[in-house]
C-alpha cells in the first residue's frame, strides 16, 4: 500500500485518538506536504523532533490498526459494495441500494 495512502487511512480511522499536537504535526507533514524543516519551524521544534514525532504517530496508528482491524474490515465491506454497485447498473433499484450501502460505509 502506498505510504501516503496508508497514513491517510490510518489517520481517518484513528486520528481522533491523538492529542492536538500530534494531529497538527502529522497533518502538516502528511496532508499539507510540508518538509520536516517546515514542520519543525511551524511548531517550534527541531527537525529531528518533527521526524521522530511523525514516525511515532505513524507507529501508534499502525498499532491501533493491528489491534482493532478497522481498515481491514472497511476494505472487506467496501469491495463487495463497489462490485454490487458496478454490476447493478441495469437495475436502478438495486443500484440505489448499493449506493446507500456505500454512503453508510463512507460516512
N, C-alpha and C. Protein backbone atom coordinates (compact mmCIF):
# COMPACT_ATOMS: atom_id res chain seq x y z
N UNK A 1 0.86 -1.18 0.00
CA UNK A 1 0.00 0.00 0.00
C UNK A 1 0.90 1.24 0.00
N UNK A 2 0.52 2.22 -0.80
CA UNK A 2 1.26 3.48 -0.87
C UNK A 2 1.34 4.11 0.52
N UNK A 3 2.53 4.62 0.87
CA UNK A 3 2.77 5.13 2.23
C UNK A 3 1.82 6.27 2.59
N UNK A 4 1.64 7.24 1.70
CA UNK A 4 0.75 8.37 1.99
C UNK A 4 -0.70 7.89 2.12
N UNK A 5 -1.11 6.99 1.24
CA UNK A 5 -2.47 6.45 1.31
C UNK A 5 -2.68 5.71 2.63
N UNK A 6 -1.69 4.92 3.02
CA UNK A 6 -1.78 4.19 4.28
C UNK A 6 -1.88 5.16 5.46
N UNK A 7 -1.02 6.19 5.47
CA UNK A 7 -1.06 7.16 6.57
C UNK A 7 -2.40 7.89 6.60
N UNK A 8 -2.94 8.18 5.43
CA UNK A 8 -4.24 8.87 5.36
C UNK A 8 -5.35 7.99 5.93
N UNK A 9 -5.37 6.73 5.53
CA UNK A 9 -6.38 5.81 6.08
C UNK A 9 -6.25 5.66 7.58
N UNK A 10 -5.02 5.47 8.03
CA UNK A 10 -4.81 5.33 9.47
C UNK A 10 -5.30 6.55 10.22
N UNK A 11 -5.00 7.73 9.68
CA UNK A 11 -5.42 8.97 10.34
C UNK A 11 -6.94 9.10 10.31
N UNK A 12 -7.56 8.75 9.18
CA UNK A 12 -9.01 8.84 9.08
C UNK A 12 -9.71 7.98 10.13
N UNK A 13 -9.17 6.80 10.36
CA UNK A 13 -9.80 5.88 11.29
C UNK A 13 -9.43 6.14 12.75
N UNK A 14 -8.19 6.52 12.99
CA UNK A 14 -7.71 6.59 14.37
C UNK A 14 -7.19 7.95 14.81
N UNK A 15 -7.25 8.94 13.95
CA UNK A 15 -6.68 10.25 14.25
C UNK A 15 -7.25 10.91 15.48
N UNK A 16 -8.50 10.64 15.78
CA UNK A 16 -9.12 11.26 16.96
C UNK A 16 -8.52 10.75 18.27
N UNK A 17 -7.75 9.70 18.20
CA UNK A 17 -7.11 9.17 19.40
C UNK A 17 -5.78 9.87 19.70
N UNK A 18 -5.36 10.75 18.82
CA UNK A 18 -4.11 11.50 19.01
C UNK A 18 -4.37 12.79 19.77
N UNK A 19 -3.35 13.33 20.42
CA UNK A 19 -3.52 14.63 21.05
C UNK A 19 -3.39 15.73 19.98
N UNK A 20 -3.74 16.95 20.33
CA UNK A 20 -3.77 18.04 19.35
C UNK A 20 -2.41 18.29 18.69
N UNK A 21 -1.36 18.26 19.48
CA UNK A 21 -0.01 18.50 18.93
C UNK A 21 0.34 17.41 17.91
N UNK A 22 0.07 16.16 18.25
CA UNK A 22 0.35 15.07 17.32
C UNK A 22 -0.45 15.24 16.03
N UNK A 23 -1.71 15.59 16.17
CA UNK A 23 -2.57 15.80 14.98
C UNK A 23 -2.00 16.89 14.09
N UNK A 24 -1.66 18.02 14.69
CA UNK A 24 -1.19 19.17 13.90
C UNK A 24 0.11 18.85 13.15
N UNK A 25 1.05 18.24 13.83
CA UNK A 25 2.33 17.90 13.19
C UNK A 25 2.11 16.87 12.09
N UNK A 26 1.33 15.83 12.38
CA UNK A 26 1.07 14.78 11.40
C UNK A 26 0.34 15.35 10.19
N UNK A 27 -0.67 16.18 10.41
CA UNK A 27 -1.42 16.79 9.31
C UNK A 27 -0.50 17.65 8.44
N UNK A 28 0.36 18.43 9.07
CA UNK A 28 1.27 19.27 8.29
C UNK A 28 2.19 18.43 7.42
N UNK A 29 2.69 17.34 7.97
CA UNK A 29 3.63 16.51 7.22
C UNK A 29 2.93 15.70 6.12
N UNK A 30 1.79 15.10 6.45
CA UNK A 30 1.13 14.18 5.52
C UNK A 30 0.16 14.90 4.59
N UNK A 31 -0.73 15.71 5.14
CA UNK A 31 -1.78 16.32 4.33
C UNK A 31 -1.34 17.62 3.68
N UNK A 32 -0.56 18.41 4.39
CA UNK A 32 -0.11 19.69 3.85
C UNK A 32 1.22 19.57 3.13
N UNK A 33 1.81 18.39 3.15
CA UNK A 33 3.04 18.07 2.42
C UNK A 33 4.19 19.03 2.75
N UNK A 34 4.28 19.40 4.03
CA UNK A 34 5.39 20.25 4.44
C UNK A 34 6.63 19.40 4.66
N UNK A 35 7.78 19.97 4.41
CA UNK A 35 9.03 19.27 4.68
C UNK A 35 9.24 19.20 6.19
N UNK A 36 10.17 18.36 6.61
CA UNK A 36 10.47 18.27 8.04
C UNK A 36 10.92 19.61 8.60
N UNK A 37 11.72 20.34 7.82
CA UNK A 37 12.17 21.66 8.28
C UNK A 37 11.00 22.62 8.44
N UNK A 38 10.06 22.58 7.50
CA UNK A 38 8.89 23.46 7.59
C UNK A 38 8.00 23.09 8.77
N UNK A 39 7.82 21.78 8.99
CA UNK A 39 7.03 21.32 10.13
C UNK A 39 7.69 21.76 11.43
N UNK A 40 9.00 21.57 11.51
CA UNK A 40 9.74 21.94 12.72
C UNK A 40 9.61 23.43 13.01
N UNK A 41 9.77 24.24 11.98
CA UNK A 41 9.68 25.69 12.16
C UNK A 41 8.27 26.10 12.58
N UNK A 42 7.26 25.51 11.95
CA UNK A 42 5.87 25.86 12.26
C UNK A 42 5.48 25.52 13.69
N UNK A 43 6.13 24.50 14.26
CA UNK A 43 5.74 24.04 15.59
C UNK A 43 6.79 24.32 16.66
N UNK A 44 7.84 25.02 16.29
CA UNK A 44 8.85 25.40 17.26
C UNK A 44 9.62 24.22 17.84
N UNK A 45 9.86 23.21 16.99
CA UNK A 45 10.61 22.04 17.43
C UNK A 45 11.76 21.81 16.45
N UNK A 46 12.67 20.94 16.81
CA UNK A 46 13.79 20.65 15.91
C UNK A 46 13.31 19.75 14.77
N UNK A 47 14.09 19.71 13.73
CA UNK A 47 13.79 18.87 12.58
C UNK A 47 13.77 17.40 13.02
N UNK A 48 14.70 17.02 13.87
CA UNK A 48 14.76 15.65 14.39
C UNK A 48 13.53 15.32 15.22
N UNK A 49 13.09 16.27 16.03
CA UNK A 49 11.89 16.05 16.85
C UNK A 49 10.66 15.87 15.96
N UNK A 50 10.58 16.65 14.88
CA UNK A 50 9.46 16.51 13.94
C UNK A 50 9.48 15.12 13.30
N UNK A 51 10.66 14.70 12.87
CA UNK A 51 10.81 13.37 12.27
C UNK A 51 10.40 12.28 13.24
N UNK A 52 10.90 12.36 14.46
CA UNK A 52 10.59 11.35 15.48
C UNK A 52 9.10 11.32 15.81
N UNK A 53 8.49 12.49 15.91
CA UNK A 53 7.08 12.56 16.23
C UNK A 53 6.23 11.94 15.13
N UNK A 54 6.53 12.26 13.89
CA UNK A 54 5.78 11.71 12.76
C UNK A 54 5.93 10.18 12.73
N UNK A 55 7.15 9.71 12.97
CA UNK A 55 7.39 8.26 12.99
C UNK A 55 6.64 7.60 14.13
N UNK A 56 6.67 8.21 15.32
CA UNK A 56 5.96 7.63 16.48
C UNK A 56 4.45 7.64 16.27
N UNK A 57 3.93 8.72 15.70
CA UNK A 57 2.48 8.79 15.45
C UNK A 57 2.09 7.71 14.45
N UNK A 58 2.87 7.55 13.39
CA UNK A 58 2.58 6.51 12.40
C UNK A 58 2.59 5.13 13.05
N UNK A 59 3.58 4.87 13.90
CA UNK A 59 3.66 3.58 14.58
C UNK A 59 2.47 3.39 15.54
N UNK A 60 2.06 4.46 16.20
CA UNK A 60 0.91 4.39 17.10
C UNK A 60 -0.35 4.06 16.33
N UNK A 61 -0.55 4.74 15.20
CA UNK A 61 -1.73 4.49 14.37
C UNK A 61 -1.71 3.06 13.82
N UNK A 62 -0.54 2.59 13.41
CA UNK A 62 -0.42 1.21 12.92
C UNK A 62 -0.73 0.22 14.05
N UNK A 63 -0.32 0.55 15.26
CA UNK A 63 -0.62 -0.30 16.41
C UNK A 63 -2.12 -0.40 16.66
N UNK A 64 -2.83 0.71 16.52
CA UNK A 64 -4.28 0.68 16.66
C UNK A 64 -4.89 -0.25 15.62
N UNK A 65 -4.41 -0.15 14.39
CA UNK A 65 -4.95 -1.00 13.32
C UNK A 65 -4.65 -2.47 13.59
N UNK A 66 -3.46 -2.77 14.09
CA UNK A 66 -3.11 -4.16 14.39
C UNK A 66 -4.03 -4.75 15.46
N UNK A 67 -4.49 -3.90 16.37
CA UNK A 67 -5.37 -4.37 17.44
C UNK A 67 -6.84 -4.37 17.05
N UNK A 68 -7.26 -3.35 16.30
CA UNK A 68 -8.69 -3.17 16.03
C UNK A 68 -9.14 -3.62 14.64
N UNK A 69 -8.25 -3.62 13.67
CA UNK A 69 -8.53 -4.10 12.30
C UNK A 69 -9.69 -3.36 11.61
N UNK A 70 -9.88 -2.11 11.93
CA UNK A 70 -11.00 -1.36 11.33
C UNK A 70 -10.78 -1.12 9.84
N UNK A 71 -9.57 -0.86 9.42
CA UNK A 71 -9.31 -0.63 8.00
C UNK A 71 -9.49 -1.92 7.22
N UNK A 72 -9.03 -3.02 7.77
CA UNK A 72 -9.24 -4.32 7.11
C UNK A 72 -10.72 -4.60 6.94
N UNK A 73 -11.50 -4.36 7.98
CA UNK A 73 -12.95 -4.57 7.90
C UNK A 73 -13.57 -3.65 6.85
N UNK A 74 -13.15 -2.40 6.85
CA UNK A 74 -13.67 -1.44 5.87
C UNK A 74 -13.41 -1.92 4.45
N UNK A 75 -12.19 -2.37 4.19
CA UNK A 75 -11.83 -2.83 2.85
C UNK A 75 -12.63 -4.08 2.45
N UNK A 76 -12.87 -4.98 3.41
CA UNK A 76 -13.65 -6.19 3.12
C UNK A 76 -15.10 -5.84 2.78
N UNK A 77 -15.63 -4.81 3.40
CA UNK A 77 -17.01 -4.40 3.13
C UNK A 77 -17.09 -3.55 1.87
N UNK A 78 -16.12 -2.67 1.69
CA UNK A 78 -16.17 -1.74 0.57
C UNK A 78 -16.09 -2.44 -0.78
N UNK A 79 -15.20 -3.41 -0.92
CA UNK A 79 -15.01 -4.07 -2.21
C UNK A 79 -16.29 -4.73 -2.72
N UNK A 80 -16.97 -5.55 -1.92
CA UNK A 80 -18.23 -6.14 -2.42
C UNK A 80 -19.30 -5.08 -2.71
N UNK A 81 -19.35 -4.04 -1.89
CA UNK A 81 -20.35 -2.99 -2.12
C UNK A 81 -20.09 -2.29 -3.45
N UNK A 82 -18.83 -2.02 -3.76
CA UNK A 82 -18.50 -1.41 -5.05
C UNK A 82 -18.84 -2.36 -6.20
N UNK A 83 -18.59 -3.63 -6.00
CA UNK A 83 -18.91 -4.60 -7.04
C UNK A 83 -20.41 -4.67 -7.27
N UNK A 84 -21.19 -4.68 -6.21
CA UNK A 84 -22.65 -4.69 -6.33
C UNK A 84 -23.12 -3.45 -7.10
N UNK A 85 -22.56 -2.31 -6.74
CA UNK A 85 -22.93 -1.08 -7.45
C UNK A 85 -22.60 -1.16 -8.93
N UNK A 86 -21.43 -1.69 -9.24
CA UNK A 86 -20.99 -1.75 -10.63
C UNK A 86 -21.82 -2.71 -11.46
N UNK A 87 -22.17 -3.85 -10.89
CA UNK A 87 -22.94 -4.83 -11.68
C UNK A 87 -24.43 -4.54 -11.68
N UNK A 88 -24.87 -3.61 -10.87
CA UNK A 88 -26.29 -3.30 -10.78
C UNK A 88 -26.69 -2.10 -11.63
N UNK A 89 -25.88 -1.73 -12.58
CA UNK A 89 -26.17 -0.53 -13.36
C UNK A 89 -27.45 -0.67 -14.16
N UNK A 90 -27.86 -1.90 -14.49
CA UNK A 90 -29.10 -2.09 -15.26
C UNK A 90 -30.35 -2.00 -14.39
N UNK A 91 -30.23 -2.29 -13.13
CA UNK A 91 -31.37 -2.27 -12.23
C UNK A 91 -31.22 -1.07 -11.29
N UNK A 92 -32.01 -0.04 -11.55
CA UNK A 92 -31.87 1.21 -10.80
C UNK A 92 -32.16 1.04 -9.31
N UNK A 93 -33.10 0.16 -8.97
CA UNK A 93 -33.43 -0.02 -7.55
C UNK A 93 -32.26 -0.68 -6.81
N UNK A 94 -31.67 -1.71 -7.40
CA UNK A 94 -30.51 -2.35 -6.77
C UNK A 94 -29.36 -1.36 -6.69
N UNK A 95 -29.16 -0.58 -7.75
CA UNK A 95 -28.08 0.40 -7.75
C UNK A 95 -28.28 1.42 -6.63
N UNK A 96 -29.53 1.86 -6.42
CA UNK A 96 -29.82 2.82 -5.36
C UNK A 96 -29.46 2.23 -3.99
N UNK A 97 -29.82 0.96 -3.77
CA UNK A 97 -29.47 0.31 -2.51
C UNK A 97 -27.96 0.18 -2.36
N UNK A 98 -27.29 -0.17 -3.43
CA UNK A 98 -25.83 -0.30 -3.39
C UNK A 98 -25.19 1.04 -3.05
N UNK A 99 -25.69 2.12 -3.62
CA UNK A 99 -25.14 3.44 -3.32
C UNK A 99 -25.44 3.86 -1.89
N UNK A 100 -26.59 3.47 -1.35
CA UNK A 100 -26.89 3.74 0.06
C UNK A 100 -25.92 2.99 0.96
N UNK A 101 -25.62 1.75 0.61
CA UNK A 101 -24.65 0.97 1.39
C UNK A 101 -23.29 1.67 1.37
N UNK A 102 -22.88 2.13 0.21
CA UNK A 102 -21.59 2.82 0.10
C UNK A 102 -21.59 4.11 0.91
N UNK A 103 -22.70 4.82 0.94
CA UNK A 103 -22.78 6.04 1.76
C UNK A 103 -22.60 5.70 3.23
N UNK A 104 -23.21 4.62 3.69
CA UNK A 104 -23.06 4.21 5.08
C UNK A 104 -21.62 3.82 5.37
N UNK A 105 -21.01 3.09 4.45
CA UNK A 105 -19.61 2.68 4.63
C UNK A 105 -18.70 3.89 4.71
N UNK A 106 -18.94 4.86 3.86
CA UNK A 106 -18.04 6.02 3.77
C UNK A 106 -18.37 7.14 4.75
N UNK A 107 -19.42 6.98 5.53
CA UNK A 107 -19.81 8.02 6.49
C UNK A 107 -18.85 8.10 7.64
